[in-house]
Amino acid sequence: MLQPGTSVLAQCCCALSLTRERARVPASGAGSGCSLIDCMEATNLVFPALLLSPLSMAITIAIDSQCLRNLDLSPAQSAIDQLLHSQPKAAPEQLLRFEIDCPTEPDDPRELSEIPEVRLWFIRLDARYPWLPVLLDWQAGELARYAAMLVPHQFHRTEGIQFNPEALEIFLMQKVFASADWLGRQGVPSQSKLLSMAKMLGYDLDDSFFQLIL
């Protein structure tokens, strides 16, 4: 339980607990041709089954080099509009995926999340749609991919890919606040969805935290 008189910031921090082992990616993926998402799915990060109807179809956001150069968000805007207009607002499903075509040199070892042009495009996307993670296809690893585009991380020879813990906490809390507000405007109960999002990033949110924001 939170103590009376604790500041809001301190209460938010106390509501989070990080399982650090779940925020790591094995080093075997680095430099071995394994993509960031492949590596993350090989860890203890849990991707719980989502309640999607059998007829649900993923909606792909195709991003090419021209979109990246021009910071053109129209492919994402079209896909988001398609998803929101094709479903009841009371139950938006998590169906969005990214397909990124960013040609690089054969000897370029960088992941997509390490390419400045790609990261800048996602920063602009996130500024336009700060609640977007709740619409991403978590089963396909899109939440992990999205986080990697926005949160600093490093490759370690022994520990693999590791997010900066403080940056990941800030990212998660910003997504929780923005998503709670947006889901509330849609009339959608948000606590269970936000709890699941936090768990997928290796965190637990205390129930008392939601008394502050919902």
C-alpha atoms as a PDB file:
ATOM      1  CA  MET A   1       0.000   0.000   0.000  1.00  0.00           C
ATOM      2  CA  LEU A   2       1.126   3.552  -0.635  1.00  0.00           C
ATOM      3  CA  GLN A   3       1.882   5.703   2.345  1.00  0.00           C
ATOM      4  CA  PRO A   4      -0.188   8.882   2.982  1.00  0.00           C
ATOM      5  CA  GLY A   5       1.649  12.057   2.100  1.00  0.00           C
ATOM      6  CA  THR A   6       3.751  10.436  -0.606  1.00  0.00           C
ATOM      7  CA  SER A   7       4.127  12.613  -3.692  1.00  0.00           C
ATOM      8  CA  VAL A   8       2.349  11.581  -6.881  1.00  0.00           C
ATOM      9  CA  LEU A   9       5.697  10.958  -8.602  1.00  0.00           C
ATOM     10  CA  ALA A  10       6.899   8.805  -5.737  1.00  0.00           C
ATOM     11  CA  GLN A  11       3.608   6.887  -5.716  1.00  0.00           C
ATOM     12  CA  CYS A  12       3.956   6.192  -9.440  1.00  0.00           C
ATOM     13  CA  CYS A  13       7.491   4.924  -8.938  1.00  0.00           C
ATOM     14  CA  CYS A  14       6.430   2.754  -5.989  1.00  0.00           C
ATOM     15  CA  ALA A  15       3.674   1.237  -8.098  1.00  0.00           C
ATOM     16  CA  LEU A  16       6.262  -0.162 -10.515  1.00  0.00           C
ATOM     17  CA  SER A  17       8.436  -3.167  -9.928  1.00  0.00           C
ATOM     18  CA  LEU A  18      10.878  -4.353 -12.568  1.00  0.00           C
ATOM     19  CA  THR A  19      11.854  -7.956 -13.154  1.00  0.00           C
ATOM     20  CA  ARG A  20      15.217  -7.179 -14.695  1.00  0.00           C
ATOM     21  CA  GLU A  21      15.814 -10.669 -16.060  1.00  0.00           C
ATOM     22  CA  ARG A  22      12.784 -10.169 -18.292  1.00  0.00           C
ATOM     23  CA  ALA A  23      14.207  -6.979 -19.795  1.00  0.00           C
ATOM     24  CA  ARG A  24      17.228  -8.710 -21.283  1.00  0.00           C
ATOM     25  CA  VAL A  25      17.776 -10.362 -24.618  1.00  0.00           C
ATOM     26  CA  PRO A  26      20.314 -13.181 -25.009  1.00  0.00           C
ATOM     27  CA  ALA A  27      23.587 -12.179 -26.590  1.00  0.00           C
ATOM     28  CA  SER A  28      23.338 -15.125 -28.978  1.00  0.00           C
ATOM     29  CA  GLY A  29      21.022 -13.016 -31.127  1.00  0.00           C
ATOM     30  CA  ALA A  30      23.387 -10.096 -31.490  1.00  0.00           C
ATOM     31  CA  GLY A  31      25.383 -10.242 -34.681  1.00  0.00           C
ATOM     32  CA  SER A  32      24.025 -13.686 -35.554  1.00  0.00           C
ATOM     33  CA  GLY A  33      21.405 -12.635 -38.061  1.00  0.00           C
ATOM     34  CA  CYS A  34      18.688 -12.731 -35.435  1.00  0.00           C
ATOM     35  CA  SER A  35      16.409  -9.695 -35.550  1.00  0.00           C
ATOM     36  CA  LEU A  36      15.633  -7.663 -32.462  1.00  0.00           C
ATOM     37  CA  ILE A  37      12.125  -9.101 -32.271  1.00  0.00           C
ATOM     38  CA  ASP A  38      13.374 -12.675 -32.771  1.00  0.00           C
ATOM     39  CA  CYS A  39      15.819 -12.134 -29.937  1.00  0.00           C
ATOM     40  CA  MET A  40      13.212 -10.647 -27.622  1.00  0.00           C
ATOM     41  CA  GLU A  41      10.802 -13.498 -28.254  1.00  0.00           C
ATOM     42  CA  ALA A  42      13.548 -15.942 -27.243  1.00  0.00           C
ATOM     43  CA  THR A  43      13.745 -14.448 -23.752  1.00  0.00           C
ATOM     44  CA  ASN A  44      11.508 -14.758 -20.719  1.00  0.00           C
ATOM     45  CA  LEU A  45       9.347 -11.879 -21.931  1.00  0.00           C
ATOM     46  CA  VAL A  46       5.812 -13.241 -21.868  1.00  0.00           C
ATOM     47  CA  PHE A  47       3.470 -12.578 -24.764  1.00  0.00           C
ATOM     48  CA  PRO A  48       0.059 -13.705 -23.464  1.00  0.00           C
ATOM     49  CA  ALA A  49      -2.552 -14.912 -25.926  1.00  0.00           C
ATOM     50  CA  LEU A  50      -4.887 -12.124 -26.945  1.00  0.00           C
ATOM     51  CA  LEU A  51      -8.619 -12.531 -27.364  1.00  0.00           C
ATOM     52  CA  LEU A  52      -8.848 -12.012 -31.103  1.00  0.00           C
ATOM     53  CA  SER A  53     -11.752 -13.350 -33.084  1.00  0.00           C
ATOM     54  CA  PRO A  54     -10.974 -16.112 -35.634  1.00  0.00           C
ATOM     55  CA  LEU A  55     -11.832 -13.668 -38.425  1.00  0.00           C
ATOM     56  CA  SER A  56      -9.444 -10.988 -37.200  1.00  0.00           C
ATOM     57  CA  MET A  57      -6.840 -10.025 -39.785  1.00  0.00           C
ATOM     58  CA  ALA A  58      -3.645  -8.130 -39.046  1.00  0.00           C
ATOM     59  CA  ILE A  59      -3.355  -4.687 -40.636  1.00  0.00           C
ATOM     60  CA  THR A  60       0.151  -3.976 -41.912  1.00  0.00           C
ATOM     61  CA  ILE A  61       1.681  -0.503 -41.894  1.00  0.00           C
ATOM     62  CA  ALA A  62       4.177  -0.570 -44.762  1.00  0.00           C
ATOM     63  CA  ILE A  63       6.977   1.963 -44.398  1.00  0.00           C
ATOM     64  CA  ASP A  64       9.525   2.487 -47.164  1.00  0.00           C
ATOM     65  CA  SER A  65      12.623   4.654 -47.442  1.00  0.00           C
ATOM     66  CA  GLN A  66      10.656   7.528 -48.982  1.00  0.00           C
ATOM     67  CA  CYS A  67       8.281   7.610 -46.005  1.00  0.00           C
ATOM     68  CA  LEU A  68      11.257   7.644 -43.685  1.00  0.00           C
ATOM     69  CA  ARG A  69      13.020  10.473 -45.551  1.00  0.00           C
ATOM     70  CA  ASN A  70       9.885  12.611 -45.672  1.00  0.00           C
ATOM     71  CA  LEU A  71       8.644  11.712 -42.186  1.00  0.00           C
ATOM     72  CA  ASP A  72       5.417  10.716 -43.932  1.00  0.00           C
ATOM     73  CA  LEU A  73       2.923   9.239 -41.473  1.00  0.00           C
ATOM     74  CA  SER A  74       0.164   8.678 -44.030  1.00  0.00           C
ATOM     75  CA  PRO A  75       0.594   4.863 -44.167  1.00  0.00           C
ATOM     76  CA  ALA A  76       0.151   4.698 -40.394  1.00  0.00           C
ATOM     77  CA  GLN A  77      -2.739   7.162 -40.425  1.00  0.00           C
ATOM     78  CA  SER A  78      -4.569   5.117 -43.072  1.00  0.00           C
ATOM     79  CA  ALA A  79      -4.073   1.857 -41.171  1.00  0.00           C
ATOM     80  CA  ILE A  80      -5.154   3.346 -37.840  1.00  0.00           C
ATOM     81  CA  ASP A  81      -8.240   4.910 -39.421  1.00  0.00           C
ATOM     82  CA  GLN A  82      -9.066   1.596 -41.082  1.00  0.00           C
ATOM     83  CA  LEU A  83      -8.797  -0.270 -37.793  1.00  0.00           C
ATOM     84  CA  LEU A  84     -10.841   2.206 -35.759  1.00  0.00           C
ATOM     85  CA  HIS A  85     -13.577   2.576 -38.363  1.00  0.00           C
ATOM     86  CA  SER A  86     -13.929  -1.166 -39.023  1.00  0.00           C
ATOM     87  CA  GLN A  87     -14.509  -2.114 -35.373  1.00  0.00           C
ATOM     88  CA  PRO A  88     -16.814  -1.049 -32.557  1.00  0.00           C
ATOM     89  CA  LYS A  89     -15.096   1.709 -30.603  1.00  0.00           C
ATOM     90  CA  ALA A  90     -15.877  -0.198 -27.429  1.00  0.00           C
ATOM     91  CA  ALA A  91     -13.565  -3.055 -28.427  1.00  0.00           C
ATOM     92  CA  PRO A  92     -10.605  -1.996 -30.596  1.00  0.00           C
ATOM     93  CA  GLU A  93      -8.488  -5.055 -31.323  1.00  0.00           C
ATOM     94  CA  GLN A  94      -4.712  -5.219 -31.376  1.00  0.00           C
ATOM     95  CA  LEU A  95      -4.046  -5.870 -35.044  1.00  0.00           C
ATOM     96  CA  LEU A  96      -1.478  -3.342 -36.262  1.00  0.00           C
ATOM     97  CA  ARG A  97       1.921  -4.514 -37.505  1.00  0.00           C
ATOM     98  CA  PHE A  98       4.858  -2.702 -39.064  1.00  0.00           C
ATOM     99  CA  GLU A  99       6.680  -3.723 -42.226  1.00  0.00           C
ATOM    100  CA  ILE A 100       9.785  -1.576 -42.616  1.00  0.00           C
ATOM    101  CA  ASP A 101      11.728  -1.454 -45.872  1.00  0.00           C
ATOM    102  CA  CYS A 102      14.929   0.418 -45.127  1.00  0.00           C
ATOM    103  CA  PRO A 103      17.756  -0.764 -47.415  1.00  0.00           C
ATOM    104  CA  THR A 104      21.194  -0.850 -45.814  1.00  0.00           C
ATOM    105  CA  GLU A 105      24.638  -1.908 -46.879  1.00  0.00           C
ATOM    106  CA  PRO A 106      25.313  -5.668 -46.617  1.00  0.00           C
ATOM    107  CA  ASP A 107      28.010  -5.069 -44.015  1.00  0.00           C
ATOM    108  CA  ASP A 108      25.850  -2.708 -41.919  1.00  0.00           C
ATOM    109  CA  PRO A 109      25.383  -4.504 -38.553  1.00  0.00           C
ATOM    110  CA  ARG A 110      22.734  -2.138 -37.226  1.00  0.00           C
ATOM    111  CA  GLU A 111      19.238  -3.218 -36.264  1.00  0.00           C
ATOM    112  CA  LEU A 112      16.399  -1.107 -37.632  1.00  0.00           C
ATOM    113  CA  SER A 113      15.986   0.420 -34.179  1.00  0.00           C
ATOM    114  CA  GLU A 114      19.556   1.745 -34.407  1.00  0.00           C
ATOM    115  CA  ILE A 115      19.060   3.625 -37.682  1.00  0.00           C
ATOM    116  CA  PRO A 116      18.424   7.338 -36.977  1.00  0.00           C
ATOM    117  CA  GLU A 117      15.955   7.816 -39.851  1.00  0.00           C
ATOM    118  CA  VAL A 118      13.820   4.918 -38.638  1.00  0.00           C
ATOM    119  CA  ARG A 119      13.857   6.058 -35.031  1.00  0.00           C
ATOM    120  CA  LEU A 120      12.966   9.632 -36.007  1.00  0.00           C
ATOM    121  CA  TRP A 121       9.946   8.398 -37.985  1.00  0.00           C
ATOM    122  CA  PHE A 122       8.729   6.451 -34.960  1.00  0.00           C
ATOM    123  CA  ILE A 123       9.301   9.430 -32.663  1.00  0.00           C
ATOM    124  CA  ARG A 124       7.022  11.504 -34.880  1.00  0.00           C
ATOM    125  CA  LEU A 125       4.469   8.681 -35.010  1.00  0.00           C
ATOM    126  CA  ASP A 126       4.503   8.417 -31.230  1.00  0.00           C
ATOM    127  CA  ALA A 127       3.992  12.159 -30.860  1.00  0.00           C
ATOM    128  CA  ARG A 128       0.912  11.940 -33.118  1.00  0.00           C
ATOM    129  CA  TYR A 129      -0.534   8.777 -31.551  1.00  0.00           C
ATOM    130  CA  PRO A 130       0.836   8.385 -27.990  1.00  0.00           C
ATOM    131  CA  TRP A 131      -1.760   5.663 -27.272  1.00  0.00           C
ATOM    132  CA  LEU A 132      -0.817   3.554 -30.320  1.00  0.00           C
ATOM    133  CA  PRO A 133       0.715   0.636 -28.350  1.00  0.00           C
ATOM    134  CA  VAL A 134      -2.758  -0.544 -27.294  1.00  0.00           C
ATOM    135  CA  LEU A 135      -3.588  -1.184 -30.977  1.00  0.00           C
ATOM    136  CA  LEU A 136      -0.377  -3.022 -31.877  1.00  0.00           C
ATOM    137  CA  ASP A 137      -0.256  -6.779 -32.453  1.00  0.00           C
ATOM    138  CA  TRP A 138       1.510  -7.820 -29.259  1.00  0.00           C
ATOM    139  CA  GLN A 139       1.520 -11.498 -30.244  1.00  0.00           C
ATOM    140  CA  ALA A 140       3.646 -10.642 -33.265  1.00  0.00           C
ATOM    141  CA  GLY A 141       6.174  -8.773 -31.107  1.00  0.00           C
ATOM    142  CA  GLU A 142       5.070  -5.310 -32.216  1.00  0.00           C
ATOM    143  CA  LEU A 143       5.030  -3.852 -28.703  1.00  0.00           C
ATOM    144  CA  ALA A 144       8.660  -4.879 -28.219  1.00  0.00           C
ATOM    145  CA  ARG A 145       9.583  -3.459 -31.626  1.00  0.00           C
ATOM    146  CA  TYR A 146       7.823  -0.183 -30.847  1.00  0.00           C
ATOM    147  CA  ALA A 147       9.578   0.135 -27.488  1.00  0.00           C
ATOM    148  CA  ALA A 148      12.945  -0.515 -29.108  1.00  0.00           C
ATOM    149  CA  MET A 149      12.360   2.339 -31.550  1.00  0.00           C
ATOM    150  CA  LEU A 150      11.818   4.816 -28.710  1.00  0.00           C
ATOM    151  CA  VAL A 151      13.795   3.547 -25.717  1.00  0.00           C
ATOM    152  CA  PRO A 152      17.623   3.595 -25.622  1.00  0.00           C
ATOM    153  CA  HIS A 153      19.129   0.123 -25.463  1.00  0.00           C
ATOM    154  CA  GLN A 154      22.544  -1.440 -25.831  1.00  0.00           C
ATOM    155  CA  PHE A 155      23.983  -4.682 -27.137  1.00  0.00           C
ATOM    156  CA  HIS A 156      26.106  -6.600 -24.652  1.00  0.00           C
ATOM    157  CA  ARG A 157      28.288  -9.538 -25.642  1.00  0.00           C
ATOM    158  CA  THR A 158      27.207 -11.556 -22.593  1.00  0.00           C
ATOM    159  CA  GLU A 159      23.850 -10.048 -21.630  1.00  0.00           C
ATOM    160  CA  GLY A 160      22.455  -9.323 -25.090  1.00  0.00           C
ATOM    161  CA  ILE A 161      20.086  -6.438 -25.800  1.00  0.00           C
ATOM    162  CA  GLN A 162      19.259  -4.484 -22.674  1.00  0.00           C
ATOM    163  CA  PHE A 163      16.974  -1.470 -22.324  1.00  0.00           C
ATOM    164  CA  ASN A 164      18.017   1.476 -20.217  1.00  0.00           C
ATOM    165  CA  PRO A 165      15.856   0.774 -17.117  1.00  0.00           C
ATOM    166  CA  GLU A 166      15.074   4.411 -16.299  1.00  0.00           C
ATOM    167  CA  ALA A 167      14.177   5.190 -19.907  1.00  0.00           C
ATOM    168  CA  LEU A 168      11.966   2.106 -20.109  1.00  0.00           C
ATOM    169  CA  GLU A 169      10.126   3.144 -16.943  1.00  0.00           C
ATOM    170  CA  ILE A 170       9.513   6.631 -18.356  1.00  0.00           C
ATOM    171  CA  PHE A 171       8.320   5.149 -21.662  1.00  0.00           C
ATOM    172  CA  LEU A 172       5.942   2.753 -19.911  1.00  0.00           C
ATOM    173  CA  MET A 173       4.430   5.378 -17.625  1.00  0.00           C
ATOM    174  CA  GLN A 174       3.891   7.781 -20.519  1.00  0.00           C
ATOM    175  CA  LYS A 175       2.175   5.005 -22.499  1.00  0.00           C
ATOM    176  CA  VAL A 176       0.020   4.060 -19.496  1.00  0.00           C
ATOM    177  CA  PHE A 177      -1.143   7.647 -18.950  1.00  0.00           C
ATOM    178  CA  ALA A 178      -1.820   8.335 -22.631  1.00  0.00           C
ATOM    179  CA  SER A 179      -3.513   4.982 -23.228  1.00  0.00           C
ATOM    180  CA  ALA A 180      -5.691   5.244 -20.123  1.00  0.00           C
ATOM    181  CA  ASP A 181      -6.949   8.639 -21.263  1.00  0.00           C
ATOM    182  CA  TRP A 182      -7.630   7.486 -24.818  1.00  0.00           C
ATOM    183  CA  LEU A 183      -9.329   4.226 -23.801  1.00  0.00           C
ATOM    184  CA  GLY A 184     -11.440   6.193 -21.333  1.00  0.00           C
ATOM    185  CA  ARG A 185     -12.623   8.466 -24.140  1.00  0.00           C
ATOM    186  CA  GLN A 186     -13.593   5.355 -26.124  1.00  0.00           C
ATOM    187  CA  GLY A 187     -15.537   4.014 -23.161  1.00  0.00           C
ATOM    188  CA  VAL A 188     -13.224   0.992 -22.892  1.00  0.00           C
ATOM    189  CA  PRO A 189     -12.170  -0.417 -19.478  1.00  0.00           C
ATOM    190  CA  SER A 190      -8.404  -0.028 -19.441  1.00  0.00           C
ATOM    191  CA  GLN A 191      -6.927  -1.511 -16.264  1.00  0.00           C
ATOM    192  CA  SER A 192      -6.502  -5.107 -17.455  1.00  0.00           C
ATOM    193  CA  LYS A 193      -5.094  -4.000 -20.817  1.00  0.00           C
ATOM    194  CA  LEU A 194      -2.602  -1.656 -19.171  1.00  0.00           C
ATOM    195  CA  LEU A 195      -1.573  -4.329 -16.669  1.00  0.00           C
ATOM    196  CA  SER A 196      -0.879  -6.688 -19.577  1.00  0.00           C
ATOM    197  CA  MET A 197       1.136  -4.044 -21.417  1.00  0.00           C
ATOM    198  CA  ALA A 198       3.280  -3.430 -18.339  1.00  0.00           C
ATOM    199  CA  LYS A 199       3.857  -7.157 -17.798  1.00  0.00           C
ATOM    200  CA  MET A 200       5.005  -7.590 -21.378  1.00  0.00           C
ATOM    201  CA  LEU A 201       7.707  -5.019 -20.739  1.00  0.00           C
ATOM    202  CA  GLY A 202       8.739  -6.757 -17.519  1.00  0.00           C
ATOM    203  CA  TYR A 203       6.858  -4.628 -14.992  1.00  0.00           C
ATOM    204  CA  ASP A 204       4.052  -5.056 -12.483  1.00  0.00           C
ATOM    205  CA  LEU A 205       1.644  -2.231 -11.705  1.00  0.00           C
ATOM    206  CA  ASP A 206       0.022  -2.117  -8.277  1.00  0.00           C
ATOM    207  CA  ASP A 207      -3.768  -1.911  -8.201  1.00  0.00           C
ATOM    208  CA  SER A 208      -3.521   1.190  -6.004  1.00  0.00           C
ATOM    209  CA  PHE A 209      -1.796   2.974  -8.874  1.00  0.00           C
ATOM    210  CA  PHE A 210      -4.971   2.875 -10.934  1.00  0.00           C
ATOM    211  CA  GLN A 211      -6.857   4.633  -8.164  1.00  0.00           C
ATOM    212  CA  LEU A 212      -4.748   7.672  -9.022  1.00  0.00           C
ATOM    213  CA  ILE A 213      -5.338   7.740 -12.772  1.00  0.00           C
ATOM    214  CA  LEU A 214      -8.715   6.081 -13.521  1.00  0.00           C
END
